[in-house]
N, C-alpha and C. Protein backbone atom coordinates (compact mmCIF):
# COMPACT_ATOMS: atom_id res chain seq x y z
N GLU A 1 -126.19 108.86 -153.31
CA GLU A 1 -124.84 108.56 -153.77
C GLU A 1 -124.50 109.41 -154.99
N GLU A 2 -125.33 109.37 -156.02
CA GLU A 2 -125.05 110.15 -157.22
C GLU A 2 -125.11 111.65 -156.93
N GLU A 3 -126.05 112.05 -156.07
CA GLU A 3 -126.15 113.46 -155.71
C GLU A 3 -124.91 113.92 -154.97
N THR A 4 -124.39 113.07 -154.09
CA THR A 4 -123.18 113.40 -153.34
C THR A 4 -122.00 113.56 -154.28
N GLN A 5 -121.89 112.66 -155.24
CA GLN A 5 -120.81 112.74 -156.21
C GLN A 5 -120.92 114.01 -157.05
N LEU A 6 -122.13 114.33 -157.48
CA LEU A 6 -122.34 115.54 -158.27
C LEU A 6 -121.99 116.78 -157.45
N TYR A 7 -122.38 116.80 -156.19
CA TYR A 7 -122.08 117.93 -155.31
C TYR A 7 -120.57 118.11 -155.18
N LYS A 8 -119.85 117.01 -155.03
CA LYS A 8 -118.38 117.08 -154.92
C LYS A 8 -117.76 117.60 -156.21
N GLN A 9 -118.30 117.16 -157.35
CA GLN A 9 -117.79 117.64 -158.63
C GLN A 9 -118.00 119.14 -158.77
N VAL A 10 -119.17 119.60 -158.37
CA VAL A 10 -119.48 121.03 -158.48
C VAL A 10 -118.58 121.84 -157.55
N GLN A 11 -118.34 121.33 -156.35
CA GLN A 11 -117.44 122.02 -155.42
C GLN A 11 -116.04 122.12 -156.02
N HIS A 12 -115.55 121.02 -156.59
CA HIS A 12 -114.23 121.00 -157.21
C HIS A 12 -114.19 121.98 -158.39
N LEU A 13 -115.21 121.96 -159.21
CA LEU A 13 -115.28 122.86 -160.36
C LEU A 13 -115.27 124.31 -159.89
N ASP A 14 -116.03 124.61 -158.85
CA ASP A 14 -116.09 125.97 -158.32
C ASP A 14 -114.71 126.44 -157.87
N LYS A 15 -114.00 125.59 -157.14
CA LYS A 15 -112.65 125.94 -156.68
C LYS A 15 -111.71 126.14 -157.87
N THR A 16 -111.79 125.24 -158.83
CA THR A 16 -110.93 125.33 -160.01
C THR A 16 -111.20 126.62 -160.78
N LEU A 17 -112.48 126.91 -161.01
CA LEU A 17 -112.83 128.12 -161.77
C LEU A 17 -112.44 129.39 -161.02
N THR A 18 -112.63 129.39 -159.71
CA THR A 18 -112.25 130.56 -158.91
C THR A 18 -110.76 130.81 -159.01
N SER A 19 -109.98 129.75 -158.89
CA SER A 19 -108.53 129.87 -159.01
C SER A 19 -108.12 130.33 -160.40
N MET A 20 -108.71 129.72 -161.41
CA MET A 20 -108.40 130.10 -162.80
C MET A 20 -108.76 131.55 -163.07
N TYR A 21 -109.88 131.98 -162.54
CA TYR A 21 -110.38 133.33 -162.81
C TYR A 21 -109.40 134.39 -162.34
N LYS A 22 -108.70 134.09 -161.23
CA LYS A 22 -107.71 135.04 -160.70
C LYS A 22 -106.55 135.22 -161.68
N ASP A 23 -106.19 134.14 -162.37
CA ASP A 23 -105.04 134.18 -163.29
C ASP A 23 -105.43 134.49 -164.73
N ASP A 24 -106.53 133.92 -165.17
CA ASP A 24 -106.92 134.06 -166.58
C ASP A 24 -108.45 134.02 -166.67
N LYS A 25 -109.04 135.20 -166.63
CA LYS A 25 -110.50 135.29 -166.61
C LYS A 25 -111.15 134.62 -167.82
N GLN A 26 -110.59 134.85 -169.00
CA GLN A 26 -111.20 134.29 -170.22
C GLN A 26 -111.14 132.77 -170.21
N ALA A 27 -110.03 132.21 -169.75
CA ALA A 27 -109.91 130.75 -169.69
C ALA A 27 -110.95 130.17 -168.73
N ALA A 28 -111.16 130.85 -167.60
CA ALA A 28 -112.15 130.38 -166.63
C ALA A 28 -113.56 130.45 -167.22
N LEU A 29 -113.84 131.54 -167.92
CA LEU A 29 -115.16 131.67 -168.55
C LEU A 29 -115.36 130.61 -169.63
N ASN A 30 -114.32 130.35 -170.41
CA ASN A 30 -114.41 129.31 -171.44
C ASN A 30 -114.63 127.94 -170.82
N MET A 31 -113.92 127.65 -169.74
CA MET A 31 -114.07 126.36 -169.08
C MET A 31 -115.49 126.21 -168.52
N ALA A 32 -116.01 127.26 -167.92
CA ALA A 32 -117.38 127.22 -167.38
C ALA A 32 -118.39 126.99 -168.50
N ALA A 33 -118.19 127.65 -169.62
CA ALA A 33 -119.10 127.48 -170.76
C ALA A 33 -119.02 126.06 -171.31
N ASP A 34 -117.80 125.53 -171.43
CA ASP A 34 -117.62 124.16 -171.92
C ASP A 34 -118.28 123.15 -170.98
N TYR A 35 -118.12 123.36 -169.68
CA TYR A 35 -118.73 122.47 -168.69
C TYR A 35 -120.26 122.52 -168.81
N SER A 36 -120.79 123.73 -168.90
CA SER A 36 -122.25 123.88 -169.00
C SER A 36 -122.78 123.22 -170.26
N TYR A 37 -122.09 123.40 -171.38
CA TYR A 37 -122.50 122.79 -172.64
C TYR A 37 -122.44 121.26 -172.53
N GLY A 38 -121.39 120.75 -171.89
CA GLY A 38 -121.26 119.31 -171.70
C GLY A 38 -122.40 118.75 -170.85
N GLN A 39 -122.75 119.47 -169.80
CA GLN A 39 -123.85 119.03 -168.95
C GLN A 39 -125.17 119.04 -169.72
N LEU A 40 -125.35 120.05 -170.54
CA LEU A 40 -126.57 120.14 -171.35
C LEU A 40 -126.66 118.97 -172.32
N LYS A 41 -125.55 118.65 -172.99
CA LYS A 41 -125.54 117.52 -173.92
C LYS A 41 -125.82 116.21 -173.18
N ARG A 42 -125.25 116.05 -172.00
CA ARG A 42 -125.46 114.83 -171.21
C ARG A 42 -126.93 114.70 -170.80
N THR A 43 -127.51 115.80 -170.35
CA THR A 43 -128.92 115.79 -169.95
C THR A 43 -129.83 115.48 -171.13
N LEU A 44 -129.54 116.08 -172.27
CA LEU A 44 -130.33 115.81 -173.47
C LEU A 44 -130.22 114.34 -173.87
N SER A 45 -129.04 113.79 -173.80
CA SER A 45 -128.83 112.38 -174.14
C SER A 45 -129.62 111.48 -173.20
N MET A 46 -129.58 111.78 -171.91
CA MET A 46 -130.33 110.98 -170.94
C MET A 46 -131.83 111.07 -171.21
N ALA A 47 -132.32 112.27 -171.51
CA ALA A 47 -133.74 112.46 -171.80
C ALA A 47 -134.15 111.72 -173.06
N THR A 48 -133.29 111.74 -174.07
CA THR A 48 -133.59 111.04 -175.32
C THR A 48 -133.66 109.54 -175.09
N GLU A 49 -132.70 109.00 -174.32
CA GLU A 49 -132.71 107.57 -174.01
C GLU A 49 -133.97 107.19 -173.25
N LEU A 50 -134.35 108.01 -172.28
CA LEU A 50 -135.55 107.74 -171.50
C LEU A 50 -136.79 107.79 -172.38
N ARG A 51 -136.83 108.75 -173.29
CA ARG A 51 -137.97 108.85 -174.21
C ARG A 51 -138.09 107.59 -175.05
N TYR A 52 -136.98 107.11 -175.60
CA TYR A 52 -137.03 105.90 -176.41
C TYR A 52 -137.46 104.69 -175.58
N LYS A 53 -136.98 104.62 -174.34
CA LYS A 53 -137.38 103.51 -173.47
C LYS A 53 -138.88 103.57 -173.19
N MET A 54 -139.37 104.76 -172.90
CA MET A 54 -140.80 104.91 -172.63
C MET A 54 -141.63 104.55 -173.86
N MET A 55 -141.18 104.98 -175.02
CA MET A 55 -141.92 104.67 -176.24
C MET A 55 -141.91 103.16 -176.52
N THR A 56 -140.78 102.52 -176.26
CA THR A 56 -140.69 101.07 -176.44
C THR A 56 -141.62 100.37 -175.48
N ASP A 57 -141.61 100.80 -174.22
CA ASP A 57 -142.49 100.20 -173.22
C ASP A 57 -143.95 100.39 -173.59
N LEU A 58 -144.28 101.58 -174.06
CA LEU A 58 -145.66 101.86 -174.47
C LEU A 58 -146.07 100.96 -175.63
N THR A 59 -145.18 100.82 -176.59
CA THR A 59 -145.48 99.98 -177.75
C THR A 59 -145.64 98.52 -177.33
N LYS A 60 -144.78 98.06 -176.43
CA LYS A 60 -144.85 96.67 -175.98
C LYS A 60 -146.10 96.41 -175.16
N SER A 61 -146.61 97.45 -174.51
CA SER A 61 -147.76 97.25 -173.62
C SER A 61 -149.09 97.24 -174.35
N THR A 62 -149.06 97.46 -175.62
CA THR A 62 -150.31 97.45 -176.39
C THR A 62 -150.15 96.57 -177.62
N GLU A 63 -151.22 95.99 -178.03
CA GLU A 63 -151.18 95.15 -179.23
C GLU A 63 -151.49 95.97 -180.47
N LYS A 64 -151.95 97.18 -180.27
CA LYS A 64 -152.29 98.03 -181.41
C LYS A 64 -151.03 98.32 -182.22
N LYS A 65 -151.16 98.21 -183.48
CA LYS A 65 -150.06 98.55 -184.38
C LYS A 65 -150.25 99.99 -184.83
N TYR A 66 -149.20 100.74 -184.78
CA TYR A 66 -149.28 102.13 -185.20
C TYR A 66 -149.08 102.24 -186.71
N SER A 67 -149.82 103.14 -187.31
CA SER A 67 -149.58 103.44 -188.73
C SER A 67 -148.27 104.22 -188.80
N GLU A 68 -147.69 104.26 -189.98
CA GLU A 68 -146.42 104.98 -190.14
C GLU A 68 -146.58 106.45 -189.73
N GLU A 69 -147.71 107.04 -190.08
CA GLU A 69 -147.98 108.44 -189.73
C GLU A 69 -148.07 108.62 -188.21
N GLU A 70 -148.81 107.71 -187.53
CA GLU A 70 -148.92 107.79 -186.08
C GLU A 70 -147.56 107.62 -185.41
N PHE A 71 -146.77 106.68 -185.90
CA PHE A 71 -145.46 106.42 -185.34
C PHE A 71 -144.56 107.65 -185.47
N LYS A 72 -144.56 108.28 -186.63
CA LYS A 72 -143.75 109.48 -186.84
C LYS A 72 -144.20 110.60 -185.91
N LYS A 73 -145.51 110.72 -185.71
CA LYS A 73 -146.02 111.76 -184.82
C LYS A 73 -145.56 111.51 -183.39
N ILE A 74 -145.63 110.27 -182.94
CA ILE A 74 -145.19 109.92 -181.59
C ILE A 74 -143.70 110.19 -181.43
N MET A 75 -142.92 109.80 -182.41
CA MET A 75 -141.47 109.96 -182.32
C MET A 75 -141.04 111.42 -182.39
N SER A 76 -141.90 112.28 -182.88
CA SER A 76 -141.54 113.70 -182.97
C SER A 76 -141.83 114.45 -181.68
N LEU A 77 -142.45 113.80 -180.71
CA LEU A 77 -142.79 114.47 -179.45
C LEU A 77 -141.56 114.83 -178.67
């Protein structure tokens, strides 16, 4: 379902950029760059959220208490 939606979005974006490129090449390039940057930010946000969830799950699954130094090291991964 999500893959299908993403595929449709990419198809729409491709058509939009192709059309824009014929009229205004720079605007099309700017739009493509903005889209790519937005996707990168979204992916980074998802990865960060997943990392925090994994770290929380790891912490909950053990009774060991981390020292402040160990915790900082883990969080910097």
